[in-house]
Amino acid sequence: MNYHDFRAFADTWGLVLLALLFVILIVWLFRRGATKEYERAARIPMDAPESPAAPDQSINDIKAAGAADDAGPDEKGKPS
């Protein structure tokens, strides 16, 4: 296969392959039920912590601290 044969193949079947791939991606993007997934992904920046974690603190520690704050009343019955 020389350059001209490859070029003729790419001009015909390559174009068909890329057009088909484009149509498949557009259909996948606008599929039914994808809205909730996209809305959840759009909320990720809003759900991030307000300040970045300290270098020695992992994200699990931050989440655990946040869960403790939302636990409700403490041992004495007073709201925290």
Protein backbone atom coordinates (compact mmCIF):
# COMPACT_ATOMS: atom_id res chain seq x y z
CA MET A 1 0.00 0.00 0.00
CA ASN A 2 1.58 3.25 -1.05
CA TYR A 3 0.78 6.81 -0.04
CA HIS A 4 -1.84 7.37 -2.76
CA ASP A 5 -3.76 4.20 -1.90
CA PHE A 6 -3.71 5.10 1.78
CA ARG A 7 -4.84 8.63 1.00
CA ALA A 8 -7.77 7.37 -1.12
CA PHE A 9 -8.78 4.96 1.67
CA ALA A 10 -8.61 7.71 4.30
CA ASP A 11 -10.58 10.12 2.12
CA THR A 12 -13.49 7.69 1.78
CA TRP A 13 -13.68 5.19 4.63
CA GLY A 14 -11.88 7.40 7.11
CA LEU A 15 -14.46 10.11 6.58
CA VAL A 16 -17.29 7.58 6.98
CA LEU A 17 -15.72 6.20 10.17
CA LEU A 18 -15.26 9.64 11.74
CA ALA A 19 -18.77 10.76 10.76
CA LEU A 20 -20.21 7.59 12.32
CA LEU A 21 -18.19 8.15 15.49
CA PHE A 22 -19.46 11.74 15.67
CA VAL A 23 -23.09 10.62 15.36
CA ILE A 24 -22.62 7.93 18.03
CA LEU A 25 -21.09 10.45 20.45
CA ILE A 26 -23.92 12.96 19.90
CA VAL A 27 -26.55 10.27 20.47
CA TRP A 28 -24.70 9.16 23.64
CA LEU A 29 -24.54 12.74 24.90
CA PHE A 30 -28.28 13.38 24.49
CA ARG A 31 -29.48 9.93 25.57
CA ARG A 32 -32.52 9.63 27.79
CA GLY A 33 -31.69 9.63 31.50
CA ALA A 34 -28.32 11.38 31.17
CA THR A 35 -29.63 14.63 32.64
CA LYS A 36 -29.30 13.47 36.26
CA GLU A 37 -25.72 12.35 35.66
CA TYR A 38 -24.79 15.71 34.13
CA GLU A 39 -26.54 17.66 36.91
CA ARG A 40 -24.65 15.65 39.53
CA ALA A 41 -21.35 16.32 37.76
CA ALA A 42 -22.18 20.02 37.57
CA ARG A 43 -22.68 20.14 41.37
CA ILE A 44 -19.21 18.74 42.17
CA PRO A 45 -17.51 22.16 42.43
CA MET A 46 -20.32 23.48 44.64
CA ASP A 47 -20.05 20.53 47.05
CA ALA A 48 -16.28 20.92 47.52
CA PRO A 49 -14.98 22.16 50.88
CA GLU A 50 -14.64 25.92 51.24
CA SER A 51 -10.92 25.86 51.95
CA PRO A 52 -8.29 23.48 50.65
CA ALA A 53 -7.06 20.76 52.95
CA ALA A 54 -3.83 21.19 54.87
CA PRO A 55 -0.96 19.20 53.36
CA ASP A 56 -1.03 16.68 56.22
CA GLN A 57 -4.83 16.24 56.19
CA SER A 58 -6.55 13.81 53.87
CA ILE A 59 -9.98 14.28 52.30
CA ASN A 60 -11.33 11.42 54.45
CA ASP A 61 -10.41 13.36 57.60
CA ILE A 62 -12.22 16.42 56.26
CA LYS A 63 -15.35 14.39 55.44
CA ALA A 64 -15.26 12.73 58.89
CA ALA A 65 -15.03 16.13 60.58
CA GLY A 66 -17.97 17.39 58.54
CA ALA A 67 -20.02 14.33 59.46
CA ALA A 68 -19.26 14.90 63.14
CA ASP A 69 -20.47 18.49 62.86
CA ASP A 70 -23.79 17.31 61.39
CA ALA A 71 -24.31 14.61 64.03
CA GLY A 72 -26.87 16.61 65.99
CA PRO A 73 -27.08 16.91 69.78
CA ASP A 74 -23.98 15.94 71.77
CA GLU A 75 -23.77 13.67 74.81
CA LYS A 76 -25.26 16.27 77.16
CA GLY A 77 -28.36 16.72 75.03
CA LYS A 78 -27.40 20.19 73.87
CA PRO A 79 -27.25 20.93 70.18
CA SER A 80 -23.67 21.10 68.95
